[in-house]
Amino acid sequence: MANVKISLPEAVFKRIDDISRSMKISRSELITRILVEALGVEADRDPLKYPALISKLYKEGHYRLRSPRYPGRTIKESG
């Protein structure tokens, strides 16, 4: 997936932000959906599988939350 930095008019950005919040999706996903529909192209089936390296590391179990007070200890997650 390619990353693109664009400038948008404030009104357009606010509208995208409002719609993405109401749909409970990210702005990137909303913009991708809009462009895919407008351009008539196929999108990747799982475009946001690993949006960042930290997500991939966390999912694979290589990343653990560390306590800032006790650097040698990990933080237990609730849930």
Protein backbone atom coordinates (compact mmCIF):
# COMPACT_ATOMS: atom_id res chain seq x y z
CA MET A 1 0.00 0.00 0.00
CA ALA A 2 1.38 3.40 -0.96
CA ASN A 3 1.35 6.41 1.36
CA VAL A 4 0.31 9.77 -0.06
CA LYS A 5 0.39 13.18 1.57
CA ILE A 6 -2.15 15.62 0.16
CA SER A 7 -3.47 19.06 1.03
CA LEU A 8 -7.23 19.52 1.24
CA PRO A 9 -9.44 22.54 1.74
CA GLU A 10 -10.52 22.78 5.38
CA ALA A 11 -14.21 22.24 4.52
CA VAL A 12 -13.42 19.03 2.60
CA PHE A 13 -11.24 17.72 5.43
CA LYS A 14 -13.96 18.45 8.00
CA ARG A 15 -16.57 16.65 5.87
CA ILE A 16 -14.29 13.60 5.46
CA ASP A 17 -13.59 13.62 9.20
CA ASP A 18 -17.31 13.82 10.08
CA ILE A 19 -18.29 11.03 7.68
CA SER A 20 -15.46 8.73 8.77
CA ARG A 21 -16.43 9.19 12.43
CA SER A 22 -20.09 8.46 11.73
CA MET A 23 -19.10 5.30 9.80
CA LYS A 24 -16.54 4.37 12.49
CA ILE A 25 -13.74 3.93 9.96
CA SER A 26 -10.46 5.76 9.45
CA ARG A 27 -10.17 8.74 7.13
CA SER A 28 -7.74 6.73 5.01
CA GLU A 29 -10.25 3.93 4.57
CA LEU A 30 -13.03 6.38 3.66
CA ILE A 31 -10.87 8.18 1.10
CA THR A 32 -9.77 4.81 -0.34
CA ARG A 33 -13.40 3.69 -0.70
CA ILE A 34 -14.36 6.96 -2.39
CA LEU A 35 -11.45 6.80 -4.84
CA VAL A 36 -11.99 3.11 -5.64
CA GLU A 37 -15.63 3.81 -6.47
CA ALA A 38 -14.91 6.99 -8.43
CA LEU A 39 -12.03 5.51 -10.44
CA GLY A 40 -13.55 2.06 -10.87
CA VAL A 41 -10.42 0.21 -9.79
CA GLU A 42 -10.01 -2.88 -7.65
CA ALA A 43 -8.63 -2.34 -4.16
CA ASP A 44 -6.53 -4.80 -2.20
CA ARG A 45 -8.69 -7.28 -0.34
CA ASP A 46 -7.04 -6.49 3.00
CA PRO A 47 -5.47 -3.05 2.51
CA LEU A 48 -5.05 -2.21 6.18
CA LYS A 49 -3.76 -5.57 7.42
CA TYR A 50 -0.69 -4.00 9.03
CA PRO A 51 -1.09 -0.22 9.00
CA ALA A 52 2.13 0.19 10.94
CA LEU A 53 5.09 -1.93 11.94
CA ILE A 54 4.10 -1.69 15.61
CA SER A 55 0.76 -3.37 14.80
CA LYS A 56 2.52 -6.23 13.05
CA LEU A 57 4.96 -6.73 15.91
CA TYR A 58 2.17 -6.60 18.48
CA LYS A 59 0.00 -9.08 16.55
CA GLU A 60 2.88 -11.54 16.19
CA GLY A 61 3.69 -11.28 19.89
CA HIS A 62 7.09 -9.61 19.52
CA TYR A 63 5.97 -6.40 21.17
CA ARG A 64 5.03 -6.04 24.80
CA LEU A 65 4.02 -2.96 26.75
CA ARG A 66 6.80 -1.85 29.09
CA SER A 67 6.36 -0.10 32.40
CA PRO A 68 8.01 3.34 32.39
CA ARG A 69 8.59 3.08 36.13
CA TYR A 70 9.99 -0.47 36.07
CA PRO A 71 11.82 -0.98 32.73
CA GLY A 72 12.36 -4.71 33.26
CA ARG A 73 8.67 -5.47 33.71
CA THR A 74 5.88 -5.75 31.19
CA ILE A 75 2.41 -4.33 31.73
CA LYS A 76 -0.38 -6.89 31.94
CA GLU A 77 -3.26 -6.11 29.64
CA SER A 78 -6.82 -6.33 30.91
CA GLY A 79 -9.24 -8.35 28.92
